[in-house]
Amino acid sequence: MICAYNWLKENGAVHVQVCDSFQRSYQVLPESTHPVMQQLVAAGFILSAIKVQPPQSL
């Protein structure tokens, strides 16, 4: 992931971002709110960027 991030930065990409996606469920009871203790957690990362081309010579 870091290699891809650096490659994008070095090759004309702007607004390069790495975000993590994580979702956690909560159990809500009267006077008691906490994360669900037993759950399947799926997480990952999203790498995004905008590719910018240099202006053409006139």
PDB file of N, CA and C in Angstrom:
ATOM      1  N   MET A   1       0.822  -1.181   0.000  1.00  0.00           N
ATOM      2  CA  MET A   1       0.000   0.000   0.000  1.00  0.00           C
ATOM      3  C   MET A   1       0.871   1.252   0.000  1.00  0.00           C
ATOM      4  N   ILE A   2       1.919   1.264   0.782  1.00  0.00           N
ATOM      5  CA  ILE A   2       2.809   2.429   0.835  1.00  0.00           C
ATOM      6  C   ILE A   2       3.533   2.603  -0.489  1.00  0.00           C
ATOM      7  N   CYS A   3       3.927   1.508  -1.121  1.00  0.00           N
ATOM      8  CA  CYS A   3       4.585   1.596  -2.435  1.00  0.00           C
ATOM      9  C   CYS A   3       3.641   2.218  -3.459  1.00  0.00           C
ATOM     10  N   ALA A   4       2.391   1.811  -3.466  1.00  0.00           N
ATOM     11  CA  ALA A   4       1.414   2.373  -4.401  1.00  0.00           C
ATOM     12  C   ALA A   4       1.170   3.847  -4.098  1.00  0.00           C
ATOM     13  N   TYR A   5       1.078   4.200  -2.833  1.00  0.00           N
ATOM     14  CA  TYR A   5       0.893   5.597  -2.423  1.00  0.00           C
ATOM     15  C   TYR A   5       2.060   6.448  -2.921  1.00  0.00           C
ATOM     16  N   ASN A   6       3.278   5.993  -2.676  1.00  0.00           N
ATOM     17  CA  ASN A   6       4.460   6.743  -3.113  1.00  0.00           C
ATOM     18  C   ASN A   6       4.542   6.830  -4.634  1.00  0.00           C
ATOM     19  N   TRP A   7       4.192   5.754  -5.341  1.00  0.00           N
ATOM     20  CA  TRP A   7       4.217   5.771  -6.800  1.00  0.00           C
ATOM     21  C   TRP A   7       3.254   6.827  -7.334  1.00  0.00           C
ATOM     22  N   LEU A   8       2.060   6.885  -6.774  1.00  0.00           N
ATOM     23  CA  LEU A   8       1.086   7.888  -7.200  1.00  0.00           C
ATOM     24  C   LEU A   8       1.612   9.301  -6.963  1.00  0.00           C
ATOM     25  N   LYS A   9       2.197   9.539  -5.790  1.00  0.00           N
ATOM     26  CA  LYS A   9       2.723  10.868  -5.467  1.00  0.00           C
ATOM     27  C   LYS A   9       3.847  11.269  -6.420  1.00  0.00           C
ATOM     28  N   GLU A  10       4.670  10.309  -6.821  1.00  0.00           N
ATOM     29  CA  GLU A  10       5.818  10.594  -7.685  1.00  0.00           C
ATOM     30  C   GLU A  10       5.440  10.709  -9.162  1.00  0.00           C
ATOM     31  N   ASN A  11       4.243  10.277  -9.542  1.00  0.00           N
ATOM     32  CA  ASN A  11       3.857  10.244 -10.952  1.00  0.00           C
ATOM     33  C   ASN A  11       2.654  11.127 -11.270  1.00  0.00           C
ATOM     34  N   GLY A  12       2.596  12.272 -10.659  1.00  0.00           N
ATOM     35  CA  GLY A  12       1.618  13.277 -11.054  1.00  0.00           C
ATOM     36  C   GLY A  12       0.236  13.172 -10.452  1.00  0.00           C
ATOM     37  N   ALA A  13       0.065  12.402  -9.408  1.00  0.00           N
ATOM     38  CA  ALA A  13      -1.246  12.314  -8.763  1.00  0.00           C
ATOM     39  C   ALA A  13      -1.320  13.347  -7.636  1.00  0.00           C
ATOM     40  N   VAL A  14      -2.505  13.907  -7.455  1.00  0.00           N
ATOM     41  CA  VAL A  14      -2.727  14.857  -6.367  1.00  0.00           C
ATOM     42  C   VAL A  14      -3.867  14.346  -5.495  1.00  0.00           C
ATOM     43  N   HIS A  15      -3.975  14.919  -4.335  1.00  0.00           N
ATOM     44  CA  HIS A  15      -5.030  14.558  -3.381  1.00  0.00           C
ATOM     45  C   HIS A  15      -5.017  13.046  -3.116  1.00  0.00           C
ATOM     46  N   VAL A  16      -3.809  12.509  -2.890  1.00  0.00           N
ATOM     47  CA  VAL A  16      -3.644  11.079  -2.616  1.00  0.00           C
ATOM     48  C   VAL A  16      -4.048  10.830  -1.167  1.00  0.00           C
ATOM     49  N   GLN A  17      -4.942   9.883  -0.962  1.00  0.00           N
ATOM     50  CA  GLN A  17      -5.457   9.594   0.373  1.00  0.00           C
ATOM     51  C   GLN A  17      -5.489   8.094   0.631  1.00  0.00           C
ATOM     52  N   VAL A  18      -5.213   7.742   1.860  1.00  0.00           N
ATOM     53  CA  VAL A  18      -5.418   6.375   2.330  1.00  0.00           C
ATOM     54  C   VAL A  18      -6.422   6.460   3.473  1.00  0.00           C
ATOM     55  N   CYS A  19      -7.533   5.759   3.331  1.00  0.00           N
ATOM     56  CA  CYS A  19      -8.582   5.761   4.356  1.00  0.00           C
ATOM     57  C   CYS A  19      -8.807   4.327   4.819  1.00  0.00           C
ATOM     58  N   ASP A  20      -9.156   4.187   6.071  1.00  0.00           N
ATOM     59  CA  ASP A  20      -9.505   2.853   6.553  1.00  0.00           C
ATOM     60  C   ASP A  20     -11.017   2.762   6.700  1.00  0.00           C
ATOM     61  N   SER A  21     -11.534   1.589   6.436  1.00  0.00           N
ATOM     62  CA  SER A  21     -12.972   1.365   6.585  1.00  0.00           C
ATOM     63  C   SER A  21     -13.174   0.354   7.708  1.00  0.00           C
ATOM     64  N   PHE A  22     -13.905   0.779   8.705  1.00  0.00           N
ATOM     65  CA  PHE A  22     -14.142  -0.077   9.861  1.00  0.00           C
ATOM     66  C   PHE A  22     -15.535   0.239  10.384  1.00  0.00           C
ATOM     67  N   GLN A  23     -16.320  -0.772  10.580  1.00  0.00           N
ATOM     68  CA  GLN A  23     -17.665  -0.571  11.100  1.00  0.00           C
ATOM     69  C   GLN A  23     -17.843  -1.435  12.332  1.00  0.00           C
ATOM     70  N   ARG A  24     -18.375  -0.848  13.369  1.00  0.00           N
ATOM     71  CA  ARG A  24     -18.611  -1.584  14.605  1.00  0.00           C
ATOM     72  C   ARG A  24     -20.065  -1.402  15.016  1.00  0.00           C
ATOM     73  N   SER A  25     -20.711  -2.494  15.386  1.00  0.00           N
ATOM     74  CA  SER A  25     -22.094  -2.445  15.861  1.00  0.00           C
ATOM     75  C   SER A  25     -22.110  -2.209  17.361  1.00  0.00           C
ATOM     76  N   TYR A  26     -23.141  -1.508  17.813  1.00  0.00           N
ATOM     77  CA  TYR A  26     -23.282  -1.213  19.237  1.00  0.00           C
ATOM     78  C   TYR A  26     -24.581  -1.797  19.762  1.00  0.00           C
ATOM     79  N   GLN A  27     -24.522  -2.294  20.993  1.00  0.00           N
ATOM     80  CA  GLN A  27     -25.712  -2.775  21.672  1.00  0.00           C
ATOM     81  C   GLN A  27     -26.215  -1.634  22.544  1.00  0.00           C
ATOM     82  N   VAL A  28     -27.465  -1.246  22.343  1.00  0.00           N
ATOM     83  CA  VAL A  28     -28.044  -0.131  23.092  1.00  0.00           C
ATOM     84  C   VAL A  28     -29.162  -0.671  23.967  1.00  0.00           C
ATOM     85  N   LEU A  29     -28.972  -0.564  25.270  1.00  0.00           N
ATOM     86  CA  LEU A  29     -29.964  -0.962  26.261  1.00  0.00           C
ATOM     87  C   LEU A  29     -30.202   0.233  27.184  1.00  0.00           C
ATOM     88  N   PRO A  30     -31.272   0.221  27.954  1.00  0.00           N
ATOM     89  CA  PRO A  30     -31.474   1.332  28.895  1.00  0.00           C
ATOM     90  C   PRO A  30     -30.265   1.475  29.835  1.00  0.00           C
ATOM     91  N   GLU A  31     -29.674   2.646  29.841  1.00  0.00           N
ATOM     92  CA  GLU A  31     -28.524   2.992  30.685  1.00  0.00           C
ATOM     93  C   GLU A  31     -27.287   2.130  30.417  1.00  0.00           C
ATOM     94  N   SER A  32     -27.196   1.552  29.247  1.00  0.00           N
ATOM     95  CA  SER A  32     -26.032   0.733  28.917  1.00  0.00           C
ATOM     96  C   SER A  32     -25.854   0.680  27.399  1.00  0.00           C
ATOM     97  N   THR A  33     -24.780   1.266  26.924  1.00  0.00           N
ATOM     98  CA  THR A  33     -24.437   1.216  25.506  1.00  0.00           C
ATOM     99  C   THR A  33     -22.983   0.797  25.385  1.00  0.00           C
ATOM    100  N   HIS A  34     -22.717  -0.234  24.592  1.00  0.00           N
ATOM    101  CA  HIS A  34     -21.338  -0.693  24.399  1.00  0.00           C
ATOM    102  C   HIS A  34     -21.237  -1.440  23.075  1.00  0.00           C
ATOM    103  N   PRO A  35     -20.009  -1.603  22.568  1.00  0.00           N
ATOM    104  CA  PRO A  35     -19.838  -2.371  21.328  1.00  0.00           C
ATOM    105  C   PRO A  35     -20.293  -3.815  21.515  1.00  0.00           C
ATOM    106  N   VAL A  36     -20.820  -4.396  20.455  1.00  0.00           N
ATOM    107  CA  VAL A  36     -21.195  -5.806  20.489  1.00  0.00           C
ATOM    108  C   VAL A  36     -19.920  -6.608  20.714  1.00  0.00           C
ATOM    109  N   MET A  37     -19.944  -7.492  21.692  1.00  0.00           N
ATOM    110  CA  MET A  37     -18.728  -8.201  22.090  1.00  0.00           C
ATOM    111  C   MET A  37     -18.314  -9.291  21.104  1.00  0.00           C
ATOM    112  N   GLN A  38     -19.277  -9.949  20.476  1.00  0.00           N
ATOM    113  CA  GLN A  38     -18.953 -11.012  19.530  1.00  0.00           C
ATOM    114  C   GLN A  38     -19.487 -10.621  18.163  1.00  0.00           C
ATOM    115  N   GLN A  39     -18.581 -10.257  17.284  1.00  0.00           N
ATOM    116  CA  GLN A  39     -18.996  -9.890  15.934  1.00  0.00           C
ATOM    117  C   GLN A  39     -17.868 -10.170  14.964  1.00  0.00           C
ATOM    118  N   LEU A  40     -18.236 -10.390  13.730  1.00  0.00           N
ATOM    119  CA  LEU A  40     -17.266 -10.564  12.662  1.00  0.00           C
ATOM    120  C   LEU A  40     -16.885  -9.178  12.163  1.00  0.00           C
ATOM    121  N   VAL A  41     -15.616  -8.862  12.240  1.00  0.00           N
ATOM    122  CA  VAL A  41     -15.153  -7.536  11.843  1.00  0.00           C
ATOM    123  C   VAL A  41     -14.438  -7.649  10.507  1.00  0.00           C
ATOM    124  N   ALA A  42     -14.902  -6.888   9.543  1.00  0.00           N
ATOM    125  CA  ALA A  42     -14.244  -6.818   8.243  1.00  0.00           C
ATOM    126  C   ALA A  42     -13.757  -5.389   8.056  1.00  0.00           C
ATOM    127  N   ALA A  43     -12.480  -5.233   7.849  1.00  0.00           N
ATOM    128  CA  ALA A  43     -11.909  -3.899   7.683  1.00  0.00           C
ATOM    129  C   ALA A  43     -10.956  -3.922   6.501  1.00  0.00           C
ATOM    130  N   GLY A  44     -10.635  -2.757   6.010  1.00  0.00           N
ATOM    131  CA  GLY A  44      -9.716  -2.666   4.890  1.00  0.00           C
ATOM    132  C   GLY A  44      -9.293  -1.228   4.677  1.00  0.00           C
ATOM    133  N   PHE A  45      -8.580  -0.997   3.602  1.00  0.00           N
ATOM    134  CA  PHE A  45      -8.091   0.336   3.286  1.00  0.00           C
ATOM    135  C   PHE A  45      -8.514   0.714   1.878  1.00  0.00           C
ATOM    136  N   ILE A  46      -8.704   2.004   1.666  1.00  0.00           N
ATOM    137  CA  ILE A  46      -9.040   2.541   0.348  1.00  0.00           C
ATOM    138  C   ILE A  46      -7.967   3.549  -0.025  1.00  0.00           C
ATOM    139  N   LEU A  47      -7.327   3.342  -1.167  1.00  0.00           N
ATOM    140  CA  LEU A  47      -6.324   4.268  -1.692  1.00  0.00           C
ATOM    141  C   LEU A  47      -6.955   4.992  -2.869  1.00  0.00           C
ATOM    142  N   SER A  48      -6.990   6.326  -2.803  1.00  0.00           N
ATOM    143  CA  SER A  48      -7.584   7.096  -3.894  1.00  0.00           C
ATOM    144  C   SER A  48      -6.692   8.281  -4.238  1.00  0.00           C
ATOM    145  N   ALA A  49      -6.801   8.741  -5.485  1.00  0.00           N
ATOM    146  CA  ALA A  49      -6.001   9.874  -5.952  1.00  0.00           C
ATOM    147  C   ALA A  49      -6.639  10.449  -7.205  1.00  0.00           C
ATOM    148  N   ILE A  50      -6.192  11.638  -7.569  1.00  0.00           N
ATOM    149  CA  ILE A  50      -6.602  12.286  -8.813  1.00  0.00           C
ATOM    150  C   ILE A  50      -5.366  12.412  -9.679  1.00  0.00           C
ATOM    151  N   LYS A  51      -5.421  11.855 -10.884  1.00  0.00           N
ATOM    152  CA  LYS A  51      -4.298  11.910 -11.825  1.00  0.00           C
ATOM    153  C   LYS A  51      -4.365  13.215 -12.600  1.00  0.00           C
ATOM    154  N   VAL A  52      -3.269  13.968 -12.592  1.00  0.00           N
ATOM    155  CA  VAL A  52      -3.205  15.252 -13.279  1.00  0.00           C
ATOM    156  C   VAL A  52      -2.219  15.144 -14.425  1.00  0.00           C
ATOM    157  N   GLN A  53      -2.656  15.540 -15.614  1.00  0.00           N
ATOM    158  CA  GLN A  53      -1.764  15.551 -16.770  1.00  0.00           C
ATOM    159  C   GLN A  53      -1.215  16.960 -16.943  1.00  0.00           C
ATOM    160  N   PRO A  54       0.063  17.069 -17.292  1.00  0.00           N
ATOM    161  CA  PRO A  54       0.626  18.404 -17.510  1.00  0.00           C
ATOM    162  C   PRO A  54      -0.031  19.067 -18.721  1.00  0.00           C
ATOM    163  N   PRO A  55      -0.098  20.408 -18.730  1.00  0.00           N
ATOM    164  CA  PRO A  55      -0.711  21.091 -19.877  1.00  0.00           C
ATOM    165  C   PRO A  55       0.100  20.856 -21.147  1.00  0.00           C
ATOM    166  N   GLN A  56      -0.589  20.811 -22.273  1.00  0.00           N
ATOM    167  CA  GLN A  56       0.086  20.609 -23.560  1.00  0.00           C
ATOM    168  C   GLN A  56       0.722  21.916 -24.016  1.00  0.00           C
ATOM    169  N   SER A  57       1.870  21.804 -24.646  1.00  0.00           N
ATOM    170  CA  SER A  57       2.549  22.989 -25.185  1.00  0.00           C
ATOM    171  C   SER A  57       1.783  23.521 -26.388  1.00  0.00           C
ATOM    172  N   LEU A  58       1.730  24.834 -26.503  1.00  0.00           N
ATOM    173  CA  LEU A  58       1.032  25.446 -27.646  1.00  0.00           C
ATOM    174  C   LEU A  58       1.968  25.739 -28.764  1.00  0.00           C
TER     175      LEU A  58
END
